[in-house]
Protein backbone atom coordinates (compact mmCIF):
# COMPACT_ATOMS: atom_id res chain seq x y z
CA MET A 1 93.67 107.77 74.56
CA GLU A 2 92.91 103.78 74.07
CA THR A 3 92.19 100.87 75.22
CA SER A 4 95.23 99.50 77.24
CA PRO A 5 96.31 96.20 76.40
CA LEU A 6 98.52 96.12 79.81
CA ILE A 7 95.17 96.54 81.25
CA SER A 8 92.71 94.17 81.61
CA SER A 9 89.69 93.63 83.78
CA GLN A 10 91.67 90.71 85.32
CA ARG A 11 94.40 92.94 86.04
CA ILE A 12 92.23 95.91 87.84
CA GLU A 13 90.53 92.50 90.04
CA SER A 14 94.18 91.53 91.40
CA ALA A 15 95.45 94.96 92.02
CA TYR A 16 94.96 96.43 96.13
CA THR A 17 92.27 98.32 97.57
CA TYR A 18 93.75 101.30 99.55
CA SER A 19 93.08 99.50 102.71
CA ALA A 20 95.18 95.92 101.39
CA TYR A 21 97.86 97.77 99.69
CA ARG A 22 98.28 99.63 103.50
CA HIS A 23 97.95 96.28 105.20
CA LEU A 24 100.81 94.82 102.83
CA ILE A 25 103.23 97.35 103.65
CA ASP A 26 102.50 97.35 107.62
CA GLU A 27 103.07 92.99 107.14
CA LEU A 28 106.38 93.53 105.37
CA LEU A 29 107.33 96.13 107.91
CA ALA A 30 106.88 93.41 110.55
CA ALA A 31 109.30 91.64 108.67
CA GLY A 32 111.71 94.02 108.33
CA LYS A 33 111.67 94.24 104.74
CA THR A 34 109.27 96.41 102.30
CA THR A 35 107.93 96.28 98.94
CA GLY A 36 109.76 95.19 95.72
CA PRO A 37 112.69 93.08 94.96
CA ASN A 38 115.33 95.50 96.70
CA GLN A 39 115.44 95.11 100.28
CA SER A 40 117.65 97.38 102.46
CA GLU A 41 118.41 98.95 106.21
CA MET A 42 117.81 102.00 104.55
CA LEU A 43 114.31 101.48 102.40
CA THR A 44 113.25 99.27 105.08
CA LYS A 45 113.62 103.19 107.41
CA TYR A 46 111.86 105.15 104.28
CA THR A 47 108.86 102.73 104.32
CA GLN A 48 109.00 103.34 108.49
CA LEU A 49 108.82 107.29 107.40
CA ASN A 50 106.05 107.00 105.12
CA VAL A 51 103.82 104.85 106.81
CA GLN A 52 104.08 107.68 109.49
CA ARG A 53 103.08 110.06 106.55
CA MET A 54 100.92 108.59 105.25
CA HIS A 55 99.09 108.15 108.38
CA ARG A 56 99.26 111.85 108.90
CA LEU A 57 97.46 112.65 105.99
CA ASP A 58 94.84 110.23 106.49
CA LYS A 59 94.13 111.91 109.26
CA THR A 60 94.99 115.67 108.20
CA THR A 61 93.52 116.54 104.34
CA VAL A 62 90.88 118.04 104.05
CA LEU A 63 89.85 118.63 100.14
CA MET A 64 89.19 121.71 98.24
CA PRO A 65 85.47 122.25 97.60
CA GLU A 66 86.01 122.66 94.07
CA ILE A 67 86.42 118.83 94.19
CA LEU A 68 84.21 117.94 95.50
CA ALA A 69 81.79 120.32 93.25
CA ALA A 70 83.26 118.05 89.90
CA PHE A 71 82.02 115.13 90.61
CA GLU A 72 78.37 116.75 90.17
CA ALA A 73 79.11 117.83 86.81
CA ASN A 74 80.79 114.09 85.74
CA PRO A 75 78.37 111.23 85.77
CA LYS A 76 80.77 108.56 84.70
CA SER A 77 82.59 106.20 86.86
CA TYR A 78 86.13 105.65 86.87
CA TYR A 79 89.31 103.49 88.10
CA TRP A 80 92.01 105.18 88.73
CA LEU A 81 95.11 102.65 88.79
CA ILE A 82 97.82 103.92 90.74
CA ILE A 83 101.77 101.84 90.14
CA THR A 84 103.96 103.09 93.70
CA GLU A 85 105.57 101.56 95.84
CA GLY A 86 105.89 101.76 99.82
CA TRP A 87 109.46 103.33 100.06
CA CYS A 88 108.64 105.82 97.76
CA GLY A 89 108.50 109.10 99.64
CA ASP A 90 106.18 111.10 96.92
CA ALA A 91 104.16 108.36 96.38
CA ALA A 92 103.23 108.61 100.88
CA GLN A 93 102.60 112.51 100.00
CA ILE A 94 100.48 112.10 97.16
CA VAL A 95 98.83 108.46 97.80
CA PRO A 96 96.18 109.70 100.51
CA VAL A 97 95.04 112.55 99.07
CA LEU A 98 94.19 110.33 96.12
CA GLU A 99 92.49 108.47 98.06
CA ARG A 100 90.83 110.73 100.01
CA ILE A 101 89.23 112.41 96.43
CA ALA A 102 88.45 108.67 95.98
CA GLU A 103 86.29 108.89 99.39
CA ALA A 104 84.37 111.81 98.32
CA SER A 105 83.68 110.86 94.72
CA GLN A 106 80.16 109.43 96.07
CA GLY A 107 81.58 105.86 94.34
CA LYS A 108 82.32 107.35 90.68
CA ILE A 109 85.69 106.59 91.30
CA GLN A 110 87.63 103.24 92.33
CA THR A 111 91.27 103.23 93.47
CA ARG A 112 93.26 100.61 93.00
CA TYR A 113 97.02 99.75 93.71
CA VAL A 114 100.21 97.94 91.75
CA LEU A 115 103.28 97.70 92.77
CA ARG A 116 106.17 99.33 89.96
CA ASP A 117 108.84 96.63 90.42
CA SER A 118 106.08 93.86 89.67
CA ASN A 119 104.41 96.09 86.95
CA LEU A 120 106.88 96.77 84.87
CA ASP A 121 105.10 96.64 81.59
CA LEU A 122 102.62 98.96 83.15
CA ILE A 123 104.86 101.38 84.47
CA ASP A 124 107.03 101.27 81.15
CA ALA A 125 103.92 102.21 78.97
CA HIS A 126 103.99 106.02 81.54
CA LEU A 127 107.17 106.69 82.07
CA THR A 128 108.55 110.25 83.02
CA LYS A 129 111.51 111.55 80.77
CA GLY A 130 112.06 107.80 80.05
CA GLY A 131 112.50 107.26 83.63
CA ARG A 132 109.55 104.50 86.37
CA ALA A 133 109.28 107.55 88.20
CA ILE A 134 106.41 106.88 90.93
CA PRO A 135 103.68 107.48 91.74
CA LYS A 136 101.92 107.43 88.69
CA LEU A 137 97.85 107.28 88.04
CA VAL A 138 96.43 105.91 85.57
CA ILE A 139 92.91 106.87 85.05
CA LEU A 140 90.43 104.44 83.34
CA GLU A 141 86.85 104.78 82.46
CA ALA A 142 85.23 101.91 85.03
CA ASP A 143 82.70 100.37 81.91
CA THR A 144 85.33 100.00 79.16
CA LEU A 145 88.76 100.62 80.84
CA GLU A 146 89.61 103.07 78.78
CA GLU A 147 92.59 105.20 79.56
CA VAL A 148 91.04 108.42 79.74
CA ALA A 149 94.01 110.68 81.57
CA GLU A 150 97.44 110.06 83.66
CA TRP A 151 98.77 112.49 86.27
CA GLY A 152 102.76 112.49 87.85
CA PRO A 153 104.68 111.43 89.21
CA ARG A 154 104.46 114.92 91.16
CA PRO A 155 103.29 118.17 90.78
CA ALA A 156 104.63 120.38 88.43
CA SER A 157 106.34 122.73 91.09
CA ALA A 158 107.72 119.52 92.72
CA GLN A 159 108.92 117.99 89.83
CA ASP A 160 110.58 121.15 88.77
CA LEU A 161 112.68 121.56 92.01
CA TYR A 162 113.49 117.73 92.05
CA TRP A 163 114.97 118.73 87.86
CA SER A 164 116.71 121.15 89.61
CA LEU A 165 118.04 119.73 92.18
CA LYS A 166 119.51 116.53 89.93
CA GLU A 167 121.33 118.74 88.07
CA ALA A 168 122.53 120.29 91.25
CA ASN A 169 124.10 116.97 91.66
CA VAL A 170 122.80 117.53 95.44
CA SER A 171 123.34 114.23 97.87
CA PHE A 172 119.61 111.47 97.68
CA ASP A 173 119.33 112.93 101.55
CA GLU A 174 119.22 116.21 100.28
CA LEU A 175 116.95 115.96 97.37
CA SER A 176 114.78 114.41 99.64
CA THR A 177 114.99 116.66 102.51
CA GLN A 178 113.95 119.34 99.65
CA LEU A 179 111.08 117.76 98.28
CA HIS A 180 109.43 116.85 101.20
CA THR A 181 110.09 120.42 103.29
CA TRP A 182 108.37 121.61 100.29
CA TYR A 183 105.15 119.07 100.50
CA ALA A 184 105.29 120.22 104.20
CA LYS A 185 104.64 123.73 103.16
CA ASP A 186 102.00 123.29 100.53
CA LYS A 187 99.71 120.95 102.76
CA THR A 188 98.40 118.68 99.81
CA LEU A 189 97.17 121.91 97.89
CA THR A 190 99.12 122.32 94.58
CA THR A 191 98.18 117.89 94.36
CA GLN A 192 94.30 118.81 94.80
CA ALA A 193 94.77 122.07 92.35
CA GLU A 194 95.94 119.60 89.55
CA LEU A 195 94.07 117.48 90.42
CA PHE A 196 90.88 119.83 90.08
CA GLN A 197 92.13 120.44 86.68
CA VAL A 198 92.30 116.49 85.65
CA LEU A 199 88.78 116.16 86.58
CA LYS A 200 87.72 119.48 84.83
CA GLN A 201 89.35 117.83 81.81
CA LEU A 202 86.84 114.47 82.18
CA SER A 203 83.56 116.38 82.80
C-alpha cells in the first residue's frame, strides 16, 4: 500500500488517545449524549452499554502468547489508527483488545482514535462492501505514515453471522443480541487470532 494523502502527521496528532476517547464518551454520556451528529435516547443507551462492555474487557482481556512473541520478530514501530464511534457495539467489543495489544507491544504500537462521522473521507477510503462499517483499524508505519494493512470491522466469523442475519431481515435488536452473544462466547480469541495474523504479515 502507498502513503495515504488522507493521513498526515497533523491528523495523527489531532486524533484521540485511548484514554481521551474514553473520557470523551464519558463526558458526552454525562450530558445525555453520544458521539457523532445523530443523537437519540436509543444511541445513548447503546453507548452506556458499550462503556460497560469496554470496562469489562479492559479488565479481563488476556492476550495469546503468540501475540506477545510476534513483537520480538519485528523491530518496526506503527500507528494503529482506529475509526470508531461510542455508540458502536462492535467497537466496544474490539477496541479494548486493540488497546491491550498496543500496551503489550513495548512501545512498538501507538493507538490513535478518530470518530467516523467526523472523518468521512477517511472511512470512505476504507469501506466494507461499500458501507461505512466500524470499527476499522488502519495500520501505518510510524516513521513514514505509509499504510501497510487494515482490519475490521469484525472477525470473519462474526462478519459472516452479521451478513446472514441481514439477509434474513431480522430486527436490529435480534441482530445485536446474536452478535454480542457471539462475542461473549468467543472471549476475544478470534479477534486476537486474526490480529496475530496481521502482526505476522508485518514482520
